[in-house]
């Protein structure tokens, strides 16, 4: 269960990095390319954690 929760946190943080400036939630003081890379990596790692959590629970 912990894998799923951690994976969801990583996905949420990745989406925040990708969407914060567009939605008016705040501005990150990093270059835009680095923000996109960081957001993509966080989302991908979150999906991996969710996959591992589902695999451990059900298979």
PDB file of N, CA and C in Angstrom:
ATOM      1  N   UNK A   1       0.814  -1.187   0.000  1.00  0.00           N
ATOM      2  CA  UNK A   1       0.000   0.000   0.000  1.00  0.00           C
ATOM      3  C   UNK A   1       0.863   1.259   0.000  1.00  0.00           C
ATOM      4  N   UNK A   2       2.011   1.189   0.649  1.00  0.00           N
ATOM      5  CA  UNK A   2       2.915   2.334   0.700  1.00  0.00           C
ATOM      6  C   UNK A   2       3.439   2.724  -0.668  1.00  0.00           C
ATOM      7  N   UNK A   3       3.675   1.725  -1.512  1.00  0.00           N
ATOM      8  CA  UNK A   3       4.150   2.000  -2.869  1.00  0.00           C
ATOM      9  C   UNK A   3       3.121   2.826  -3.646  1.00  0.00           C
ATOM     10  N   UNK A   4       1.855   2.484  -3.480  1.00  0.00           N
ATOM     11  CA  UNK A   4       0.807   3.215  -4.189  1.00  0.00           C
ATOM     12  C   UNK A   4       0.728   4.662  -3.733  1.00  0.00           C
ATOM     13  N   UNK A   5       0.797   4.865  -2.434  1.00  0.00           N
ATOM     14  CA  UNK A   5       0.692   6.224  -1.898  1.00  0.00           C
ATOM     15  C   UNK A   5       1.897   7.055  -2.311  1.00  0.00           C
ATOM     16  N   UNK A   6       3.090   6.499  -2.210  1.00  0.00           N
ATOM     17  CA  UNK A   6       4.284   7.231  -2.642  1.00  0.00           C
ATOM     18  C   UNK A   6       4.241   7.527  -4.130  1.00  0.00           C
ATOM     19  N   UNK A   7       3.768   6.569  -4.909  1.00  0.00           N
ATOM     20  CA  UNK A   7       3.643   6.789  -6.342  1.00  0.00           C
ATOM     21  C   UNK A   7       2.682   7.921  -6.660  1.00  0.00           C
ATOM     22  N   UNK A   8       1.568   7.969  -5.944  1.00  0.00           N
ATOM     23  CA  UNK A   8       0.607   9.054  -6.169  1.00  0.00           C
ATOM     24  C   UNK A   8       1.197  10.406  -5.774  1.00  0.00           C
ATOM     25  N   UNK A   9       1.985  10.457  -4.692  1.00  0.00           N
ATOM     26  CA  UNK A   9       2.638  11.705  -4.318  1.00  0.00           C
ATOM     27  C   UNK A   9       3.608  12.174  -5.403  1.00  0.00           C
ATOM     28  N   UNK A  10       4.387  11.262  -5.959  1.00  0.00           N
ATOM     29  CA  UNK A  10       5.312  11.633  -7.023  1.00  0.00           C
ATOM     30  C   UNK A  10       4.558  12.151  -8.248  1.00  0.00           C
ATOM     31  N   UNK A  11       3.456  11.503  -8.591  1.00  0.00           N
ATOM     32  CA  UNK A  11       2.660  11.953  -9.736  1.00  0.00           C
ATOM     33  C   UNK A  11       2.095  13.346  -9.479  1.00  0.00           C
ATOM     34  N   UNK A  12       1.586  13.576  -8.274  1.00  0.00           N
ATOM     35  CA  UNK A  12       1.025  14.898  -7.940  1.00  0.00           C
ATOM     36  C   UNK A  12       2.108  15.970  -7.995  1.00  0.00           C
ATOM     37  N   UNK A  13       3.283  15.706  -7.451  1.00  0.00           N
ATOM     38  CA  UNK A  13       4.364  16.687  -7.492  1.00  0.00           C
ATOM     39  C   UNK A  13       4.831  16.935  -8.923  1.00  0.00           C
ATOM     40  N   UNK A  14       4.871  15.895  -9.734  1.00  0.00           N
ATOM     41  CA  UNK A  14       5.237  16.066 -11.140  1.00  0.00           C
ATOM     42  C   UNK A  14       4.229  16.905 -11.892  1.00  0.00           C
ATOM     43  N   UNK A  15       2.946  16.649 -11.653  1.00  0.00           N
ATOM     44  CA  UNK A  15       1.910  17.451 -12.303  1.00  0.00           C
ATOM     45  C   UNK A  15       1.940  18.893 -11.817  1.00  0.00           C
ATOM     46  N   UNK A  16       2.249  19.098 -10.541  1.00  0.00           N
ATOM     47  CA  UNK A  16       2.372  20.461 -10.034  1.00  0.00           C
ATOM     48  C   UNK A  16       3.507  21.186 -10.754  1.00  0.00           C
ATOM     49  N   UNK A  17       4.651  20.509 -10.917  1.00  0.00           N
ATOM     50  CA  UNK A  17       5.781  21.135 -11.602  1.00  0.00           C
ATOM     51  C   UNK A  17       5.407  21.493 -13.039  1.00  0.00           C
ATOM     52  N   UNK A  18       4.642  20.628 -13.685  1.00  0.00           N
ATOM     53  CA  UNK A  18       4.280  20.878 -15.078  1.00  0.00           C
ATOM     54  C   UNK A  18       3.194  21.939 -15.231  1.00  0.00           C
ATOM     55  N   UNK A  19       2.269  22.021 -14.293  1.00  0.00           N
ATOM     56  CA  UNK A  19       1.085  22.861 -14.475  1.00  0.00           C
ATOM     57  C   UNK A  19       1.023  24.102 -13.588  1.00  0.00           C
ATOM     58  N   UNK A  20       1.955  24.286 -12.665  1.00  0.00           N
ATOM     59  CA  UNK A  20       1.850  25.365 -11.675  1.00  0.00           C
ATOM     60  C   UNK A  20       1.793  26.738 -12.336  1.00  0.00           C
ATOM     61  N   UNK A  21       2.668  26.997 -13.264  1.00  0.00           N
ATOM     62  CA  UNK A  21       2.713  28.321 -13.876  1.00  0.00           C
ATOM     63  C   UNK A  21       1.498  28.576 -14.756  1.00  0.00           C
ATOM     64  N   UNK A  22       1.066  27.564 -15.486  1.00  0.00           N
ATOM     65  CA  UNK A  22      -0.096  27.730 -16.376  1.00  0.00           C
ATOM     66  C   UNK A  22      -1.383  27.964 -15.613  1.00  0.00           C
ATOM     67  N   UNK A  23      -1.523  27.307 -14.448  1.00  0.00           N
ATOM     68  CA  UNK A  23      -2.754  27.419 -13.670  1.00  0.00           C
ATOM     69  C   UNK A  23      -2.726  28.584 -12.691  1.00  0.00           C
ATOM     70  N   UNK A  24      -1.607  29.284 -12.596  1.00  0.00           N
ATOM     71  CA  UNK A  24      -1.506  30.419 -11.701  1.00  0.00           C
ATOM     72  C   UNK A  24      -1.290  30.051 -10.249  1.00  0.00           C
ATOM     73  N   UNK A  25      -0.758  28.862  -9.987  1.00  0.00           N
ATOM     74  CA  UNK A  25      -0.535  28.408  -8.618  1.00  0.00           C
ATOM     75  C   UNK A  25       0.783  28.916  -8.050  1.00  0.00           C
ATOM     76  N   UNK A  26       1.661  29.371  -8.902  1.00  0.00           N
ATOM     77  CA  UNK A  26       2.961  29.857  -8.453  1.00  0.00           C
ATOM     78  C   UNK A  26       3.959  29.776  -9.584  1.00  0.00           C
ATOM     79  N   UNK A  27       5.132  30.323  -9.349  1.00  0.00           N
ATOM     80  CA  UNK A  27       6.181  30.302 -10.361  1.00  0.00           C
ATOM     81  C   UNK A  27       7.417  29.663  -9.751  1.00  0.00           C
ATOM     82  N   UNK A  28       7.931  28.659 -10.405  1.00  0.00           N
ATOM     83  CA  UNK A  28       9.152  28.005  -9.965  1.00  0.00           C
ATOM     84  C   UNK A  28      10.333  28.758 -10.560  1.00  0.00           C
ATOM     85  N   UNK A  29      11.348  28.975  -9.771  1.00  0.00           N
ATOM     86  CA  UNK A  29      12.490  29.767 -10.233  1.00  0.00           C
ATOM     87  C   UNK A  29      13.556  28.884 -10.884  1.00  0.00           C
ATOM     88  N   UNK A  30      13.147  28.126 -11.872  1.00  0.00           N
ATOM     89  CA  UNK A  30      14.043  27.271 -12.643  1.00  0.00           C
ATOM     90  C   UNK A  30      13.766  27.508 -14.122  1.00  0.00           C
ATOM     91  N   UNK A  31      14.723  27.201 -14.987  1.00  0.00           N
ATOM     92  CA  UNK A  31      14.442  27.305 -16.423  1.00  0.00           C
ATOM     93  C   UNK A  31      13.296  26.375 -16.830  1.00  0.00           C
ATOM     94  N   UNK A  32      12.513  26.801 -17.790  1.00  0.00           N
ATOM     95  CA  UNK A  32      11.319  26.053 -18.195  1.00  0.00           C
ATOM     96  C   UNK A  32      11.658  24.638 -18.669  1.00  0.00           C
ATOM     97  N   UNK A  33      12.770  24.471 -19.357  1.00  0.00           N
ATOM     98  CA  UNK A  33      13.163  23.141 -19.835  1.00  0.00           C
ATOM     99  C   UNK A  33      13.441  22.199 -18.666  1.00  0.00           C
ATOM    100  N   UNK A  34      14.074  22.727 -17.616  1.00  0.00           N
ATOM    101  CA  UNK A  34      14.368  21.908 -16.445  1.00  0.00           C
ATOM    102  C   UNK A  34      13.087  21.546 -15.699  1.00  0.00           C
ATOM    103  N   UNK A  35      12.136  22.460 -15.657  1.00  0.00           N
ATOM    104  CA  UNK A  35      10.856  22.182 -15.013  1.00  0.00           C
ATOM    105  C   UNK A  35      10.122  21.069 -15.753  1.00  0.00           C
ATOM    106  N   UNK A  36      10.116  21.125 -17.083  1.00  0.00           N
ATOM    107  CA  UNK A  36       9.457  20.070 -17.864  1.00  0.00           C
ATOM    108  C   UNK A  36      10.152  18.727 -17.659  1.00  0.00           C
ATOM    109  N   UNK A  37      11.483  18.728 -17.644  1.00  0.00           N
ATOM    110  CA  UNK A  37      12.218  17.480 -17.437  1.00  0.00           C
ATOM    111  C   UNK A  37      11.939  16.922 -16.043  1.00  0.00           C
ATOM    112  N   UNK A  38      11.989  17.775 -15.042  1.00  0.00           N
ATOM    113  CA  UNK A  38      11.729  17.339 -13.673  1.00  0.00           C
ATOM    114  C   UNK A  38      10.303  16.813 -13.512  1.00  0.00           C
ATOM    115  N   UNK A  39       9.337  17.514 -14.063  1.00  0.00           N
ATOM    116  CA  UNK A  39       7.945  17.068 -13.988  1.00  0.00           C
ATOM    117  C   UNK A  39       7.736  15.732 -14.681  1.00  0.00           C
ATOM    118  N   UNK A  40       8.359  15.561 -15.839  1.00  0.00           N
ATOM    119  CA  UNK A  40       8.244  14.300 -16.566  1.00  0.00           C
ATOM    120  C   UNK A  40       8.876  13.142 -15.819  1.00  0.00           C
ATOM    121  N   UNK A  41      10.042  13.389 -15.241  1.00  0.00           N
ATOM    122  CA  UNK A  41      10.726  12.336 -14.483  1.00  0.00           C
ATOM    123  C   UNK A  41       9.920  11.959 -13.241  1.00  0.00           C
ATOM    124  N   UNK A  42       9.390  12.960 -12.535  1.00  0.00           N
ATOM    125  CA  UNK A  42       8.592  12.674 -11.346  1.00  0.00           C
ATOM    126  C   UNK A  42       7.330  11.885 -11.695  1.00  0.00           C
ATOM    127  N   UNK A  43       6.658  12.255 -12.770  1.00  0.00           N
ATOM    128  CA  UNK A  43       5.455  11.524 -13.179  1.00  0.00           C
ATOM    129  C   UNK A  43       5.791  10.092 -13.592  1.00  0.00           C
ATOM    130  N   UNK A  44       6.864   9.923 -14.344  1.00  0.00           N
ATOM    131  CA  UNK A  44       7.261   8.585 -14.785  1.00  0.00           C
ATOM    132  C   UNK A  44       7.630   7.710 -13.588  1.00  0.00           C
ATOM    133  N   UNK A  45       8.378   8.265 -12.641  1.00  0.00           N
ATOM    134  CA  UNK A  45       8.750   7.495 -11.459  1.00  0.00           C
ATOM    135  C   UNK A  45       7.521   7.171 -10.615  1.00  0.00           C
ATOM    136  N   UNK A  46       6.588   8.091 -10.534  1.00  0.00           N
ATOM    137  CA  UNK A  46       5.350   7.834  -9.810  1.00  0.00           C
ATOM    138  C   UNK A  46       4.554   6.708 -10.439  1.00  0.00           C
ATOM    139  N   UNK A  47       4.473   6.695 -11.752  1.00  0.00           N
ATOM    140  CA  UNK A  47       3.776   5.606 -12.443  1.00  0.00           C
ATOM    141  C   UNK A  47       4.459   4.270 -12.195  1.00  0.00           C
ATOM    142  N   UNK A  48       5.792   4.280 -12.168  1.00  0.00           N
ATOM    143  CA  UNK A  48       6.543   3.054 -11.873  1.00  0.00           C
ATOM    144  C   UNK A  48       6.234   2.552 -10.468  1.00  0.00           C
ATOM    145  N   UNK A  49       6.183   3.473  -9.475  1.00  0.00           N
ATOM    146  CA  UNK A  49       5.872   3.084  -8.107  1.00  0.00           C
ATOM    147  C   UNK A  49       4.455   2.528  -7.992  1.00  0.00           C
ATOM    148  N   UNK A  50       3.518   3.141  -8.686  1.00  0.00           N
ATOM    149  CA  UNK A  50       2.139   2.648  -8.669  1.00  0.00           C
ATOM    150  C   UNK A  50       2.087   1.255  -9.294  1.00  0.00           C
ATOM    151  N   UNK A  51       2.788   1.052 -10.391  1.00  0.00           N
ATOM    152  CA  UNK A  51       2.838  -0.260 -11.036  1.00  0.00           C
ATOM    153  C   UNK A  51       3.397  -1.307 -10.079  1.00  0.00           C
ATOM    154  N   UNK A  52       4.498  -0.980  -9.391  1.00  0.00           N
ATOM    155  CA  UNK A  52       5.080  -1.931  -8.437  1.00  0.00           C
ATOM    156  C   UNK A  52       4.131  -2.219  -7.288  1.00  0.00           C
ATOM    157  N   UNK A  53       3.416  -1.201  -6.825  1.00  0.00           N
ATOM    158  CA  UNK A  53       2.462  -1.405  -5.738  1.00  0.00           C
ATOM    159  C   UNK A  53       1.324  -2.306  -6.141  1.00  0.00           C
ATOM    160  N   UNK A  54       0.796  -2.104  -7.336  1.00  0.00           N
ATOM    161  CA  UNK A  54      -0.288  -2.953  -7.824  1.00  0.00           C
ATOM    162  C   UNK A  54       0.212  -4.374  -8.020  1.00  0.00           C
ATOM    163  N   UNK A  55       1.413  -4.508  -8.540  1.00  0.00           N
ATOM    164  CA  UNK A  55       1.992  -5.825  -8.762  1.00  0.00           C
ATOM    165  C   UNK A  55       2.174  -6.576  -7.445  1.00  0.00           C
ATOM    166  N   UNK A  56       2.627  -5.878  -6.392  1.00  0.00           N
ATOM    167  CA  UNK A  56       2.815  -6.525  -5.095  1.00  0.00           C
ATOM    168  C   UNK A  56       1.472  -6.909  -4.452  1.00  0.00           C
ATOM    169  N   UNK A  57       0.464  -6.084  -4.619  1.00  0.00           N
ATOM    170  CA  UNK A  57      -0.828  -6.354  -3.981  1.00  0.00           C
ATOM    171  C   UNK A  57      -1.604  -7.475  -4.648  1.00  0.00           C
ATOM    172  N   UNK A  58      -1.574  -7.521  -5.967  1.00  0.00           N
ATOM    173  CA  UNK A  58      -2.475  -8.421  -6.676  1.00  0.00           C
ATOM    174  C   UNK A  58      -1.807  -9.591  -7.378  1.00  0.00           C
ATOM    175  N   UNK A  59      -0.508  -9.597  -7.545  1.00  0.00           N
ATOM    176  CA  UNK A  59       0.107 -10.691  -8.296  1.00  0.00           C
ATOM    177  C   UNK A  59       1.163 -11.370  -7.509  1.00  0.00           C
TER     178      UNK A  59
END
